[in-house]
Amino acid sequence: GRTHQIRVHMAAVRHPCVGDPLYGADPVLA
C-alpha cells in the first residue's frame, strides 16, 4: 500500500489512469 502505487505502476507500463496528467495521462481524453 504505497503512496500513489496504482498510479505509478500503471504509468510505468504505459497505461496511466485516465484523467491523471501527473503520471502521463492524455488531458484531451480526460
PDB file of all heavy atoms in Angstrom:
ATOM      1  N   GLY A   1       0.818  -1.213   0.000  1.00  0.00           N
ATOM      2  CA  GLY A   1       0.000   0.000   0.000  1.00  0.00           C
ATOM      3  C   GLY A   1       0.845   1.253   0.000  1.00  0.00           C
ATOM      4  O   GLY A   1       0.838   2.022   0.957  1.00  0.00           O
ATOM      5  N   ARG A   2       1.577   1.488  -1.075  1.00  0.00           N
ATOM      6  CA  ARG A   2       2.455   2.660  -1.160  1.00  0.00           C
ATOM      7  C   ARG A   2       1.696   3.874  -1.696  1.00  0.00           C
ATOM      8  O   ARG A   2       0.687   3.742  -2.409  1.00  0.00           O
ATOM      9  CB  ARG A   2       3.657   2.381  -2.078  1.00  0.00           C
ATOM     10  CG  ARG A   2       4.385   1.083  -1.783  1.00  0.00           C
ATOM     11  CD  ARG A   2       4.801   0.947  -0.344  1.00  0.00           C
ATOM     12  NE  ARG A   2       5.515  -0.305  -0.116  1.00  0.00           N
ATOM     13  CZ  ARG A   2       5.626  -0.897   1.050  1.00  0.00           C
ATOM     14  NH1 ARG A   2       5.059  -0.355   2.120  1.00  0.00           N
ATOM     15  NH2 ARG A   2       6.282  -2.032   1.170  1.00  0.00           N
ATOM     16  N   THR A   3       2.201   5.043  -1.399  1.00  0.00           N
ATOM     17  CA  THR A   3       1.606   6.280  -1.906  1.00  0.00           C
ATOM     18  C   THR A   3       1.570   6.259  -3.428  1.00  0.00           C
ATOM     19  O   THR A   3       2.590   6.012  -4.069  1.00  0.00           O
ATOM     20  CB  THR A   3       2.411   7.504  -1.419  1.00  0.00           C
ATOM     21  OG1 THR A   3       2.434   7.501   0.016  1.00  0.00           O
ATOM     22  CG2 THR A   3       1.797   8.798  -1.918  1.00  0.00           C
ATOM     23  N   HIS A   4       0.385   6.511  -4.015  1.00  0.00           N
ATOM     24  CA  HIS A   4       0.194   6.586  -5.466  1.00  0.00           C
ATOM     25  C   HIS A   4       0.557   5.269  -6.165  1.00  0.00           C
ATOM     26  O   HIS A   4       0.851   5.269  -7.372  1.00  0.00           O
ATOM     27  CB  HIS A   4       1.031   7.717  -6.089  1.00  0.00           C
ATOM     28  CG  HIS A   4       0.649   9.080  -5.621  1.00  0.00           C
ATOM     29  ND1 HIS A   4       1.243  10.221  -6.130  1.00  0.00           N
ATOM     30  CD2 HIS A   4      -0.246   9.511  -4.692  1.00  0.00           C
ATOM     31  CE1 HIS A   4       0.728  11.281  -5.530  1.00  0.00           C
ATOM     32  NE2 HIS A   4      -0.173  10.866  -4.646  1.00  0.00           N
ATOM     33  N   GLN A   5       0.505   4.128  -5.454  1.00  0.00           N
ATOM     34  CA  GLN A   5       1.030   2.887  -6.022  1.00  0.00           C
ATOM     35  C   GLN A   5       0.402   2.510  -7.358  1.00  0.00           C
ATOM     36  O   GLN A   5       1.116   2.227  -8.335  1.00  0.00           O
ATOM     37  CB  GLN A   5       0.842   1.735  -5.034  1.00  0.00           C
ATOM     38  CG  GLN A   5       1.353   0.392  -5.575  1.00  0.00           C
ATOM     39  CD  GLN A   5       1.325  -0.700  -4.541  1.00  0.00           C
ATOM     40  OE1 GLN A   5       1.612  -0.460  -3.378  1.00  0.00           O
ATOM     41  NE2 GLN A   5       0.985  -1.915  -4.946  1.00  0.00           N
ATOM     42  N   ILE A   6      -0.928   2.487  -7.434  1.00  0.00           N
ATOM     43  CA  ILE A   6      -1.583   2.097  -8.684  1.00  0.00           C
ATOM     44  C   ILE A   6      -1.231   3.080  -9.792  1.00  0.00           C
ATOM     45  O   ILE A   6      -0.916   2.676 -10.920  1.00  0.00           O
ATOM     46  CB  ILE A   6      -3.108   2.023  -8.493  1.00  0.00           C
ATOM     47  CG1 ILE A   6      -3.471   0.887  -7.526  1.00  0.00           C
ATOM     48  CG2 ILE A   6      -3.825   1.830  -9.834  1.00  0.00           C
ATOM     49  CD1 ILE A   6      -4.941   0.832  -7.147  1.00  0.00           C
ATOM     50  N   ARG A   7      -1.257   4.351  -9.487  1.00  0.00           N
ATOM     51  CA  ARG A   7      -0.979   5.377 -10.490  1.00  0.00           C
ATOM     52  C   ARG A   7       0.452   5.257 -11.031  1.00  0.00           C
ATOM     53  O   ARG A   7       0.687   5.365 -12.240  1.00  0.00           O
ATOM     54  CB  ARG A   7      -1.223   6.755  -9.893  1.00  0.00           C
ATOM     55  CG  ARG A   7      -2.658   6.958  -9.426  1.00  0.00           C
ATOM     56  CD  ARG A   7      -2.809   8.138  -8.493  1.00  0.00           C
ATOM     57  NE  ARG A   7      -2.543   9.398  -9.182  1.00  0.00           N
ATOM     58  CZ  ARG A   7      -2.444  10.568  -8.560  1.00  0.00           C
ATOM     59  NH1 ARG A   7      -2.565  10.634  -7.239  1.00  0.00           N
ATOM     60  NH2 ARG A   7      -2.221  11.670  -9.255  1.00  0.00           N
ATOM     61  N   VAL A   8       1.398   5.013 -10.139  1.00  0.00           N
ATOM     62  CA  VAL A   8       2.802   4.882 -10.543  1.00  0.00           C
ATOM     63  C   VAL A   8       3.017   3.608 -11.357  1.00  0.00           C
ATOM     64  O   VAL A   8       3.647   3.629 -12.419  1.00  0.00           O
ATOM     65  CB  VAL A   8       3.725   4.881  -9.309  1.00  0.00           C
ATOM     66  CG1 VAL A   8       5.165   4.529  -9.698  1.00  0.00           C
ATOM     67  CG2 VAL A   8       3.693   6.244  -8.625  1.00  0.00           C
ATOM     68  N   HIS A   9       2.498   2.494 -10.893  1.00  0.00           N
ATOM     69  CA  HIS A   9       2.723   1.224 -11.574  1.00  0.00           C
ATOM     70  C   HIS A   9       2.051   1.177 -12.944  1.00  0.00           C
ATOM     71  O   HIS A   9       2.644   0.684 -13.921  1.00  0.00           O
ATOM     72  CB  HIS A   9       2.236   0.061 -10.703  1.00  0.00           C
ATOM     73  CG  HIS A   9       3.264  -0.418  -9.730  1.00  0.00           C
ATOM     74  ND1 HIS A   9       3.018  -1.401  -8.794  1.00  0.00           N
ATOM     75  CD2 HIS A   9       4.562  -0.054  -9.549  1.00  0.00           C
ATOM     76  CE1 HIS A   9       4.119  -1.627  -8.085  1.00  0.00           C
ATOM     77  NE2 HIS A   9       5.065  -0.812  -8.518  1.00  0.00           N
ATOM     78  N   MET A  10       0.826   1.691 -13.045  1.00  0.00           N
ATOM     79  CA  MET A  10       0.167   1.668 -14.347  1.00  0.00           C
ATOM     80  C   MET A  10       0.856   2.616 -15.328  1.00  0.00           C
ATOM     81  O   MET A  10       0.972   2.314 -16.522  1.00  0.00           O
ATOM     82  CB  MET A  10      -1.316   2.016 -14.211  1.00  0.00           C
ATOM     83  CG  MET A  10      -2.131   1.005 -13.396  1.00  0.00           C
ATOM     84  SD  MET A  10      -1.806  -0.748 -13.773  1.00  0.00           S
ATOM     85  CE  MET A  10      -2.164  -0.820 -15.533  1.00  0.00           C
ATOM     86  N   ALA A  11       1.328   3.750 -14.840  1.00  0.00           N
ATOM     87  CA  ALA A  11       2.071   4.662 -15.715  1.00  0.00           C
ATOM     88  C   ALA A  11       3.379   4.020 -16.179  1.00  0.00           C
ATOM     89  O   ALA A  11       3.819   4.224 -17.314  1.00  0.00           O
ATOM     90  CB  ALA A  11       2.364   5.971 -14.986  1.00  0.00           C
ATOM     91  N   ALA A  12       3.980   3.206 -15.307  1.00  0.00           N
ATOM     92  CA  ALA A  12       5.256   2.567 -15.643  1.00  0.00           C
ATOM     93  C   ALA A  12       5.119   1.580 -16.786  1.00  0.00           C
ATOM     94  O   ALA A  12       6.069   1.364 -17.546  1.00  0.00           O
ATOM     95  CB  ALA A  12       5.830   1.877 -14.415  1.00  0.00           C
ATOM     96  N   VAL A  13       3.936   0.958 -16.929  1.00  0.00           N
ATOM     97  CA  VAL A  13       3.716   0.021 -18.038  1.00  0.00           C
ATOM     98  C   VAL A  13       2.988   0.715 -19.193  1.00  0.00           C
ATOM     99  O   VAL A  13       2.421   0.063 -20.063  1.00  0.00           O
ATOM    100  CB  VAL A  13       2.950  -1.235 -17.569  1.00  0.00           C
ATOM    101  CG1 VAL A  13       3.790  -2.028 -16.579  1.00  0.00           C
ATOM    102  CG2 VAL A  13       1.598  -0.873 -16.952  1.00  0.00           C
ATOM    103  N   ARG A  14       2.992   2.055 -19.154  1.00  0.00           N
ATOM    104  CA  ARG A  14       2.458   2.909 -20.230  1.00  0.00           C
ATOM    105  C   ARG A  14       0.948   2.823 -20.375  1.00  0.00           C
ATOM    106  O   ARG A  14       0.404   2.953 -21.470  1.00  0.00           O
ATOM    107  CB  ARG A  14       3.162   2.593 -21.554  1.00  0.00           C
ATOM    108  CG  ARG A  14       4.668   2.831 -21.486  1.00  0.00           C
ATOM    109  CD  ARG A  14       5.348   2.613 -22.819  1.00  0.00           C
ATOM    110  NE  ARG A  14       6.782   2.846 -22.713  1.00  0.00           N
ATOM    111  CZ  ARG A  14       7.637   2.736 -23.717  1.00  0.00           C
ATOM    112  NH1 ARG A  14       7.188   2.366 -24.923  1.00  0.00           N
ATOM    113  NH2 ARG A  14       8.925   2.973 -23.532  1.00  0.00           N
ATOM    114  N   HIS A  15       0.279   2.588 -19.252  1.00  0.00           N
ATOM    115  CA  HIS A  15      -1.183   2.604 -19.236  1.00  0.00           C
ATOM    116  C   HIS A  15      -1.651   3.418 -18.025  1.00  0.00           C
ATOM    117  O   HIS A  15      -2.242   2.867 -17.084  1.00  0.00           O
ATOM    118  CB  HIS A  15      -1.743   1.177 -19.176  1.00  0.00           C
ATOM    119  CG  HIS A  15      -1.393   0.338 -20.360  1.00  0.00           C
ATOM    120  ND1 HIS A  15      -1.941   0.546 -21.609  1.00  0.00           N
ATOM    121  CD2 HIS A  15      -0.513  -0.693 -20.489  1.00  0.00           C
ATOM    122  CE1 HIS A  15      -1.435  -0.333 -22.463  1.00  0.00           C
ATOM    123  NE2 HIS A  15      -0.565  -1.087 -21.811  1.00  0.00           N
ATOM    124  N   PRO A  16      -1.378   4.731 -18.031  1.00  0.00           N
ATOM    125  CA  PRO A  16      -1.765   5.556 -16.879  1.00  0.00           C
ATOM    126  C   PRO A  16      -3.275   5.597 -16.688  1.00  0.00           C
ATOM    127  O   PRO A  16      -4.040   5.388 -17.636  1.00  0.00           O
ATOM    128  CB  PRO A  16      -1.211   6.931 -17.243  1.00  0.00           C
ATOM    129  CG  PRO A  16      -1.175   6.947 -18.736  1.00  0.00           C
ATOM    130  CD  PRO A  16      -0.790   5.534 -19.124  1.00  0.00           C
ATOM    131  N   CYS A  17      -3.694   5.856 -15.464  1.00  0.00           N
ATOM    132  CA  CYS A  17      -5.119   6.031 -15.193  1.00  0.00           C
ATOM    133  C   CYS A  17      -5.637   7.214 -16.000  1.00  0.00           C
ATOM    134  O   CYS A  17      -5.011   8.279 -16.028  1.00  0.00           O
ATOM    135  CB  CYS A  17      -5.354   6.288 -13.711  1.00  0.00           C
ATOM    136  SG  CYS A  17      -4.942   4.901 -12.638  1.00  0.00           S
ATOM    137  N   VAL A  18      -6.769   7.031 -16.652  1.00  0.00           N
ATOM    138  CA  VAL A  18      -7.385   8.119 -17.408  1.00  0.00           C
ATOM    139  C   VAL A  18      -7.662   9.290 -16.448  1.00  0.00           C
ATOM    140  O   VAL A  18      -8.128   9.084 -15.324  1.00  0.00           O
ATOM    141  CB  VAL A  18      -8.687   7.646 -18.078  1.00  0.00           C
ATOM    142  CG1 VAL A  18      -9.394   8.809 -18.766  1.00  0.00           C
ATOM    143  CG2 VAL A  18      -8.394   6.528 -19.077  1.00  0.00           C
ATOM    144  N   GLY A  19      -7.341  10.498 -16.882  1.00  0.00           N
ATOM    145  CA  GLY A  19      -7.579  11.671 -16.056  1.00  0.00           C
ATOM    146  C   GLY A  19      -6.476  11.962 -15.058  1.00  0.00           C
ATOM    147  O   GLY A  19      -6.692  12.731 -14.120  1.00  0.00           O
ATOM    148  N   ASP A  20      -5.292  11.358 -15.242  1.00  0.00           N
ATOM    149  CA  ASP A  20      -4.184  11.530 -14.297  1.00  0.00           C
ATOM    150  C   ASP A  20      -2.964  12.141 -14.988  1.00  0.00           C
ATOM    151  O   ASP A  20      -1.962  11.451 -15.223  1.00  0.00           O
ATOM    152  CB  ASP A  20      -3.820  10.168 -13.687  1.00  0.00           C
ATOM    153  CG  ASP A  20      -2.885  10.284 -12.488  1.00  0.00           C
ATOM    154  OD1 ASP A  20      -2.609  11.414 -12.059  1.00  0.00           O
ATOM    155  OD2 ASP A  20      -2.448   9.232 -11.980  1.00  0.00           O
ATOM    156  N   PRO A  21      -3.003  13.444 -15.313  1.00  0.00           N
ATOM    157  CA  PRO A  21      -1.897  14.064 -16.050  1.00  0.00           C
ATOM    158  C   PRO A  21      -0.579  14.057 -15.287  1.00  0.00           C
ATOM    159  O   PRO A  21       0.494  14.096 -15.900  1.00  0.00           O
ATOM    160  CB  PRO A  21      -2.391  15.497 -16.291  1.00  0.00           C
ATOM    161  CG  PRO A  21      -3.420  15.738 -15.240  1.00  0.00           C
ATOM    162  CD  PRO A  21      -4.084  14.411 -15.027  1.00  0.00           C
ATOM    163  N   LEU A  22      -0.624  13.996 -13.953  1.00  0.00           N
ATOM    164  CA  LEU A  22       0.623  13.963 -13.174  1.00  0.00           C
ATOM    165  C   LEU A  22       1.467  12.763 -13.561  1.00  0.00           C
ATOM    166  O   LEU A  22       2.699  12.816 -13.514  1.00  0.00           O
ATOM    167  CB  LEU A  22       0.293  13.919 -11.680  1.00  0.00           C
ATOM    168  CG  LEU A  22       1.482  13.912 -10.707  1.00  0.00           C
ATOM    169  CD1 LEU A  22       2.270  15.220 -10.826  1.00  0.00           C
ATOM    170  CD2 LEU A  22       1.016  13.691  -9.279  1.00  0.00           C
ATOM    171  N   TYR A  23       0.805  11.680 -13.963  1.00  0.00           N
ATOM    172  CA  TYR A  23       1.522  10.463 -14.338  1.00  0.00           C
ATOM    173  C   TYR A  23       1.362  10.131 -15.827  1.00  0.00           C
ATOM    174  O   TYR A  23       1.403   8.964 -16.223  1.00  0.00           O
ATOM    175  CB  TYR A  23       1.063   9.299 -13.457  1.00  0.00           C
ATOM    176  CG  TYR A  23       1.556   9.451 -12.030  1.00  0.00           C
ATOM    177  CD1 TYR A  23       0.704   9.894 -11.028  1.00  0.00           C
ATOM    178  CD2 TYR A  23       2.885   9.213 -11.702  1.00  0.00           C
ATOM    179  CE1 TYR A  23       1.160  10.062  -9.720  1.00  0.00           C
ATOM    180  CE2 TYR A  23       3.351   9.378 -10.410  1.00  0.00           C
ATOM    181  CZ  TYR A  23       2.487   9.807  -9.419  1.00  0.00           C
ATOM    182  OH  TYR A  23       2.951   9.975  -8.127  1.00  0.00           O
ATOM    183  N   GLY A  24       1.194  11.166 -16.635  1.00  0.00           N
ATOM    184  CA  GLY A  24       1.294  10.992 -18.082  1.00  0.00           C
ATOM    185  C   GLY A  24       0.032  10.724 -18.842  1.00  0.00           C
ATOM    186  O   GLY A  24       0.080  10.388 -20.037  1.00  0.00           O
ATOM    187  N   ALA A  25      -1.142  10.852 -18.220  1.00  0.00           N
ATOM    188  CA  ALA A  25      -2.393  10.613 -18.941  1.00  0.00           C
ATOM    189  C   ALA A  25      -2.677  11.739 -19.928  1.00  0.00           C
ATOM    190  O   ALA A  25      -2.220  12.878 -19.751  1.00  0.00           O
ATOM    191  CB  ALA A  25      -3.552  10.477 -17.961  1.00  0.00           C
ATOM    192  N   ASP A  26      -3.436  11.425 -20.959  1.00  0.00           N
ATOM    193  CA  ASP A  26      -3.779  12.371 -22.020  1.00  0.00           C
ATOM    194  C   ASP A  26      -4.867  13.332 -21.538  1.00  0.00           C
ATOM    195  O   ASP A  26      -6.003  12.902 -21.288  1.00  0.00           O
ATOM    196  CB  ASP A  26      -4.267  11.595 -23.245  1.00  0.00           C
ATOM    197  CG  ASP A  26      -4.652  12.497 -24.404  1.00  0.00           C
ATOM    198  OD1 ASP A  26      -4.434  13.721 -24.308  1.00  0.00           O
ATOM    199  OD2 ASP A  26      -5.185  11.969 -25.399  1.00  0.00           O
ATOM    200  N   PRO A  27      -4.588  14.641 -21.412  1.00  0.00           N
ATOM    201  CA  PRO A  27      -5.608  15.585 -20.938  1.00  0.00           C
ATOM    202  C   PRO A  27      -6.760  15.759 -21.919  1.00  0.00           C
ATOM    203  O   PRO A  27      -7.870  16.106 -21.519  1.00  0.00           O
ATOM    204  CB  PRO A  27      -4.825  16.882 -20.743  1.00  0.00           C
ATOM    205  CG  PRO A  27      -3.632  16.756 -21.628  1.00  0.00           C
ATOM    206  CD  PRO A  27      -3.287  15.303 -21.640  1.00  0.00           C
ATOM    207  N   VAL A  28      -6.506  15.513 -23.206  1.00  0.00           N
ATOM    208  CA  VAL A  28      -7.564  15.632 -24.212  1.00  0.00           C
ATOM    209  C   VAL A  28      -8.619  14.561 -23.988  1.00  0.00           C
ATOM    210  O   VAL A  28      -9.824  14.820 -24.042  1.00  0.00           O
ATOM    211  CB  VAL A  28      -6.980  15.542 -25.634  1.00  0.00           C
ATOM    212  CG1 VAL A  28      -8.099  15.554 -26.667  1.00  0.00           C
ATOM    213  CG2 VAL A  28      -6.011  16.689 -25.880  1.00  0.00           C
ATOM    214  N   LEU A  29      -8.176  13.322 -23.726  1.00  0.00           N
ATOM    215  CA  LEU A  29      -9.114  12.233 -23.459  1.00  0.00           C
ATOM    216  C   LEU A  29      -9.907  12.520 -22.185  1.00  0.00           C
ATOM    217  O   LEU A  29     -11.126  12.315 -22.142  1.00  0.00           O
ATOM    218  CB  LEU A  29      -8.363  10.909 -23.317  1.00  0.00           C
ATOM    219  CG  LEU A  29      -9.205   9.688 -22.928  1.00  0.00           C
ATOM    220  CD1 LEU A  29     -10.302   9.433 -23.948  1.00  0.00           C
ATOM    221  CD2 LEU A  29      -8.317   8.443 -22.759  1.00  0.00           C
ATOM    222  N   ALA A  30      -9.234  13.009 -21.150  1.00  0.00           N
ATOM    223  CA  ALA A  30      -9.924  13.323 -19.898  1.00  0.00           C
ATOM    224  C   ALA A  30     -11.006  14.369 -20.110  1.00  0.00           C
ATOM    225  O   ALA A  30     -12.120  14.244 -19.594  1.00  0.00           O
ATOM    226  CB  ALA A  30      -8.917  13.804 -18.853  1.00  0.00           C
TER     227      ALA A  30
END
